[in-house]
Amino acid sequence: MDKGVSRRVLVASLVGSSIEWFDYFLYGTVAALVFNQLFFPSEDPTVGLLLSYTSFAL
């Protein structure tokens, strides 16, 4: 494989992995801070947090 092609593949995979990691980080943060109050307001706050983390895990 050509060195230029290898470099393009490396950069593309780095960018894709970085975007995917940021997506998981952002969703996990929002699941901890917002989703329990937004989607489970009638539940106990601890139960709502566990339910939001469960949805994140699924």
PDB file of N, CA and C in Angstrom:
ATOM      1  N   MET A   1       0.850  -1.164   0.000  1.00  0.00           N
ATOM      2  CA  MET A   1       0.000   0.000   0.000  1.00  0.00           C
ATOM      3  C   MET A   1       0.902   1.235   0.000  1.00  0.00           C
ATOM      4  N   ASP A   2       0.467   2.262  -0.677  1.00  0.00           N
ATOM      5  CA  ASP A   2       1.211   3.505  -0.780  1.00  0.00           C
ATOM      6  C   ASP A   2       1.228   4.224   0.574  1.00  0.00           C
ATOM      7  N   LYS A   3       2.306   4.962   0.832  1.00  0.00           N
ATOM      8  CA  LYS A   3       2.434   5.653   2.113  1.00  0.00           C
ATOM      9  C   LYS A   3       1.352   6.724   2.277  1.00  0.00           C
ATOM     10  N   GLY A   4       0.991   7.409   1.203  1.00  0.00           N
ATOM     11  CA  GLY A   4      -0.059   8.426   1.269  1.00  0.00           C
ATOM     12  C   GLY A   4      -1.411   7.832   1.588  1.00  0.00           C
ATOM     13  N   VAL A   5      -1.693   6.669   1.014  1.00  0.00           N
ATOM     14  CA  VAL A   5      -2.964   5.994   1.285  1.00  0.00           C
ATOM     15  C   VAL A   5      -3.004   5.528   2.739  1.00  0.00           C
ATOM     16  N   SER A   6      -1.897   5.016   3.225  1.00  0.00           N
ATOM     17  CA  SER A   6      -1.834   4.576   4.622  1.00  0.00           C
ATOM     18  C   SER A   6      -2.076   5.741   5.571  1.00  0.00           C
ATOM     19  N   ARG A   7      -1.523   6.886   5.255  1.00  0.00           N
ATOM     20  CA  ARG A   7      -1.709   8.061   6.099  1.00  0.00           C
ATOM     21  C   ARG A   7      -3.172   8.514   6.085  1.00  0.00           C
ATOM     22  N   ARG A   8      -3.804   8.490   4.911  1.00  0.00           N
ATOM     23  CA  ARG A   8      -5.220   8.883   4.818  1.00  0.00           C
ATOM     24  C   ARG A   8      -6.106   7.935   5.613  1.00  0.00           C
ATOM     25  N   VAL A   9      -5.785   6.635   5.551  1.00  0.00           N
ATOM     26  CA  VAL A   9      -6.555   5.649   6.325  1.00  0.00           C
ATOM     27  C   VAL A   9      -6.369   5.891   7.812  1.00  0.00           C
ATOM     28  N   LEU A  10      -5.160   6.187   8.230  1.00  0.00           N
ATOM     29  CA  LEU A  10      -4.878   6.448   9.640  1.00  0.00           C
ATOM     30  C   LEU A  10      -5.630   7.687  10.128  1.00  0.00           C
ATOM     31  N   VAL A  11      -5.592   8.750   9.374  1.00  0.00           N
ATOM     32  CA  VAL A  11      -6.281   9.984   9.766  1.00  0.00           C
ATOM     33  C   VAL A  11      -7.790   9.774   9.792  1.00  0.00           C
ATOM     34  N   ALA A  12      -8.322   9.078   8.802  1.00  0.00           N
ATOM     35  CA  ALA A  12      -9.767   8.832   8.761  1.00  0.00           C
ATOM     36  C   ALA A  12     -10.214   7.986   9.951  1.00  0.00           C
ATOM     37  N   SER A  13      -9.452   6.971  10.299  1.00  0.00           N
ATOM     38  CA  SER A  13      -9.827   6.135  11.439  1.00  0.00           C
ATOM     39  C   SER A  13      -9.684   6.895  12.757  1.00  0.00           C
ATOM     40  N   LEU A  14      -8.693   7.779  12.846  1.00  0.00           N
ATOM     41  CA  LEU A  14      -8.536   8.598  14.050  1.00  0.00           C
ATOM     42  C   LEU A  14      -9.708   9.563  14.209  1.00  0.00           C
ATOM     43  N   VAL A  15     -10.105  10.200  13.138  1.00  0.00           N
ATOM     44  CA  VAL A  15     -11.236  11.130  13.198  1.00  0.00           C
ATOM     45  C   VAL A  15     -12.522  10.374  13.547  1.00  0.00           C
ATOM     46  N   GLY A  16     -12.757   9.243  12.927  1.00  0.00           N
ATOM     47  CA  GLY A  16     -13.958   8.461  13.211  1.00  0.00           C
ATOM     48  C   GLY A  16     -14.007   7.969  14.640  1.00  0.00           C
ATOM     49  N   SER A  17     -12.891   7.491  15.154  1.00  0.00           N
ATOM     50  CA  SER A  17     -12.846   7.021  16.540  1.00  0.00           C
ATOM     51  C   SER A  17     -13.037   8.171  17.519  1.00  0.00           C
ATOM     52  N   SER A  18     -12.472   9.329  17.211  1.00  0.00           N
ATOM     53  CA  SER A  18     -12.634  10.491  18.086  1.00  0.00           C
ATOM     54  C   SER A  18     -14.086  10.942  18.141  1.00  0.00           C
ATOM     55  N   ILE A  19     -14.759  10.968  17.012  1.00  0.00           N
ATOM     56  CA  ILE A  19     -16.172  11.362  16.982  1.00  0.00           C
ATOM     57  C   ILE A  19     -17.017  10.344  17.739  1.00  0.00           C
ATOM     58  N   GLU A  20     -16.736   9.077  17.575  1.00  0.00           N
ATOM     59  CA  GLU A  20     -17.495   8.046  18.285  1.00  0.00           C
ATOM     60  C   GLU A  20     -17.276   8.144  19.791  1.00  0.00           C
ATOM     61  N   TRP A  21     -16.028   8.363  20.218  1.00  0.00           N
ATOM     62  CA  TRP A  21     -15.739   8.497  21.647  1.00  0.00           C
ATOM     63  C   TRP A  21     -16.463   9.711  22.218  1.00  0.00           C
ATOM     64  N   PHE A  22     -16.436  10.835  21.487  1.00  0.00           N
ATOM     65  CA  PHE A  22     -17.120  12.038  21.955  1.00  0.00           C
ATOM     66  C   PHE A  22     -18.619  11.797  22.066  1.00  0.00           C
ATOM     67  N   ASP A  23     -19.196  11.047  21.143  1.00  0.00           N
ATOM     68  CA  ASP A  23     -20.621  10.740  21.176  1.00  0.00           C
ATOM     69  C   ASP A  23     -20.968   9.946  22.432  1.00  0.00           C
ATOM     70  N   TYR A  24     -20.176   8.918  22.757  1.00  0.00           N
ATOM     71  CA  TYR A  24     -20.424   8.135  23.973  1.00  0.00           C
ATOM     72  C   TYR A  24     -20.236   8.985  25.222  1.00  0.00           C
ATOM     73  N   PHE A  25     -19.213   9.827  25.230  1.00  0.00           N
ATOM     74  CA  PHE A  25     -18.956  10.701  26.374  1.00  0.00           C
ATOM     75  C   PHE A  25     -20.113  11.669  26.587  1.00  0.00           C
ATOM     76  N   LEU A  26     -20.571  12.270  25.511  1.00  0.00           N
ATOM     77  CA  LEU A  26     -21.667  13.236  25.603  1.00  0.00           C
ATOM     78  C   LEU A  26     -22.962  12.563  26.055  1.00  0.00           C
ATOM     79  N   TYR A  27     -23.287  11.410  25.492  1.00  0.00           N
ATOM     80  CA  TYR A  27     -24.509  10.701  25.871  1.00  0.00           C
ATOM     81  C   TYR A  27     -24.442  10.260  27.329  1.00  0.00           C
ATOM     82  N   GLY A  28     -23.281   9.784  27.767  1.00  0.00           N
ATOM     83  CA  GLY A  28     -23.138   9.372  29.166  1.00  0.00           C
ATOM     84  C   GLY A  28     -23.297  10.533  30.127  1.00  0.00           C
ATOM     85  N   THR A  29     -22.763  11.683  29.777  1.00  0.00           N
ATOM     86  CA  THR A  29     -22.893  12.861  30.613  1.00  0.00           C
ATOM     87  C   THR A  29     -24.344  13.330  30.675  1.00  0.00           C
ATOM     88  N   VAL A  30     -25.005  13.359  29.530  1.00  0.00           N
ATOM     89  CA  VAL A  30     -26.406  13.784  29.503  1.00  0.00           C
ATOM     90  C   VAL A  30     -27.291  12.760  30.222  1.00  0.00           C
ATOM     91  N   ALA A  31     -26.958  11.485  30.112  1.00  0.00           N
ATOM     92  CA  ALA A  31     -27.734  10.462  30.819  1.00  0.00           C
ATOM     93  C   ALA A  31     -27.634  10.651  32.328  1.00  0.00           C
ATOM     94  N   ALA A  32     -26.472  11.075  32.801  1.00  0.00           N
ATOM     95  CA  ALA A  32     -26.299  11.270  34.240  1.00  0.00           C
ATOM     96  C   ALA A  32     -26.964  12.539  34.744  1.00  0.00           C
ATOM     97  N   LEU A  33     -26.964  13.587  33.933  1.00  0.00           N
ATOM     98  CA  LEU A  33     -27.418  14.888  34.419  1.00  0.00           C
ATOM     99  C   LEU A  33     -28.837  15.262  34.021  1.00  0.00           C
ATOM    100  N   VAL A  34     -29.322  14.789  32.878  1.00  0.00           N
ATOM    101  CA  VAL A  34     -30.588  15.295  32.349  1.00  0.00           C
ATOM    102  C   VAL A  34     -31.645  14.212  32.196  1.00  0.00           C
ATOM    103  N   PHE A  35     -31.281  13.052  31.674  1.00  0.00           N
ATOM    104  CA  PHE A  35     -32.276  12.055  31.297  1.00  0.00           C
ATOM    105  C   PHE A  35     -33.107  11.574  32.470  1.00  0.00           C
ATOM    106  N   ASN A  36     -32.527  11.464  33.653  1.00  0.00           N
ATOM    107  CA  ASN A  36     -33.325  10.989  34.786  1.00  0.00           C
ATOM    108  C   ASN A  36     -34.432  11.976  35.128  1.00  0.00           C
ATOM    109  N   GLN A  37     -34.193  13.271  34.976  1.00  0.00           N
ATOM    110  CA  GLN A  37     -35.226  14.274  35.264  1.00  0.00           C
ATOM    111  C   GLN A  37     -36.185  14.464  34.093  1.00  0.00           C
ATOM    112  N   LEU A  38     -35.700  14.259  32.890  1.00  0.00           N
ATOM    113  CA  LEU A  38     -36.518  14.497  31.708  1.00  0.00           C
ATOM    114  C   LEU A  38     -37.471  13.334  31.411  1.00  0.00           C
ATOM    115  N   PHE A  39     -36.960  12.101  31.472  1.00  0.00           N
ATOM    116  CA  PHE A  39     -37.757  10.942  31.081  1.00  0.00           C
ATOM    117  C   PHE A  39     -38.368  10.187  32.255  1.00  0.00           C
ATOM    118  N   PHE A  40     -37.836  10.365  33.455  1.00  0.00           N
ATOM    119  CA  PHE A  40     -38.346   9.641  34.619  1.00  0.00           C
ATOM    120  C   PHE A  40     -38.636  10.602  35.774  1.00  0.00           C
ATOM    121  N   PRO A  41     -39.474  11.621  35.568  1.00  0.00           N
ATOM    122  CA  PRO A  41     -39.696  12.613  36.631  1.00  0.00           C
ATOM    123  C   PRO A  41     -40.503  12.087  37.819  1.00  0.00           C
ATOM    124  N   SER A  42     -41.316  11.058  37.601  1.00  0.00           N
ATOM    125  CA  SER A  42     -42.143  10.557  38.695  1.00  0.00           C
ATOM    126  C   SER A  42     -41.410   9.544  39.571  1.00  0.00           C
ATOM    127  N   GLU A  43     -40.246   9.103  39.127  1.00  0.00           N
ATOM    128  CA  GLU A  43     -39.477   8.113  39.890  1.00  0.00           C
ATOM    129  C   GLU A  43     -38.601   8.808  40.940  1.00  0.00           C
ATOM    130  N   ASP A  44     -38.166   8.019  41.901  1.00  0.00           N
ATOM    131  CA  ASP A  44     -37.164   8.476  42.846  1.00  0.00           C
ATOM    132  C   ASP A  44     -35.901   8.878  42.058  1.00  0.00           C
ATOM    133  N   PRO A  45     -35.187   9.921  42.453  1.00  0.00           N
ATOM    134  CA  PRO A  45     -34.012  10.339  41.677  1.00  0.00           C
ATOM    135  C   PRO A  45     -32.961   9.248  41.474  1.00  0.00           C
ATOM    136  N   THR A  46     -32.766   8.402  42.464  1.00  0.00           N
ATOM    137  CA  THR A  46     -31.799   7.317  42.323  1.00  0.00           C
ATOM    138  C   THR A  46     -32.274   6.287  41.307  1.00  0.00           C
ATOM    139  N   VAL A  47     -33.553   5.952  41.373  1.00  0.00           N
ATOM    140  CA  VAL A  47     -34.122   4.997  40.420  1.00  0.00           C
ATOM    141  C   VAL A  47     -34.096   5.588  39.009  1.00  0.00           C
ATOM    142  N   GLY A  48     -34.411   6.877  38.883  1.00  0.00           N
ATOM    143  CA  GLY A  48     -34.342   7.530  37.578  1.00  0.00           C
ATOM    144  C   GLY A  48     -32.936   7.522  37.013  1.00  0.00           C
ATOM    145  N   LEU A  49     -31.938   7.731  37.856  1.00  0.00           N
ATOM    146  CA  LEU A  49     -30.548   7.676  37.404  1.00  0.00           C
ATOM    147  C   LEU A  49     -30.181   6.280  36.940  1.00  0.00           C
ATOM    148  N   LEU A  50     -30.589   5.268  37.676  1.00  0.00           N
ATOM    149  CA  LEU A  50     -30.312   3.886  37.273  1.00  0.00           C
ATOM    150  C   LEU A  50     -31.017   3.535  35.976  1.00  0.00           C
ATOM    151  N   LEU A  51     -32.239   4.003  35.809  1.00  0.00           N
ATOM    152  CA  LEU A  51     -32.956   3.751  34.563  1.00  0.00           C
ATOM    153  C   LEU A  51     -32.295   4.452  33.380  1.00  0.00           C
ATOM    154  N   SER A  52     -31.811   5.657  33.573  1.00  0.00           N
ATOM    155  CA  SER A  52     -31.136   6.359  32.473  1.00  0.00           C
ATOM    156  C   SER A  52     -29.812   5.688  32.139  1.00  0.00           C
ATOM    157  N   TYR A  53     -29.096   5.204  33.159  1.00  0.00           N
ATOM    158  CA  TYR A  53     -27.858   4.459  32.873  1.00  0.00           C
ATOM    159  C   TYR A  53     -28.159   3.128  32.187  1.00  0.00           C
ATOM    160  N   THR A  54     -29.280   2.516  32.530  1.00  0.00           N
ATOM    161  CA  THR A  54     -29.675   1.268  31.862  1.00  0.00           C
ATOM    162  C   THR A  54     -29.958   1.514  30.394  1.00  0.00           C
ATOM    163  N   SER A  55     -30.632   2.608  30.093  1.00  0.00           N
ATOM    164  CA  SER A  55     -30.873   2.930  28.681  1.00  0.00           C
ATOM    165  C   SER A  55     -29.570   3.217  27.946  1.00  0.00           C
ATOM    166  N   PHE A  56     -28.610   3.813  28.633  1.00  0.00           N
ATOM    167  CA  PHE A  56     -27.286   4.053  28.049  1.00  0.00           C
ATOM    168  C   PHE A  56     -26.570   2.729  27.783  1.00  0.00           C
ATOM    169  N   ALA A  57     -26.703   1.789  28.700  1.00  0.00           N
ATOM    170  CA  ALA A  57     -26.034   0.494  28.541  1.00  0.00           C
ATOM    171  C   ALA A  57     -26.640  -0.316  27.399  1.00  0.00           C
ATOM    172  N   LEU A  58     -27.947  -0.185  27.229  1.00  0.00           N
ATOM    173  CA  LEU A  58     -28.594  -0.943  26.156  1.00  0.00           C
ATOM    174  C   LEU A  58     -28.211  -0.374  24.809  1.00  0.00           C
TER     175      LEU A  58
END
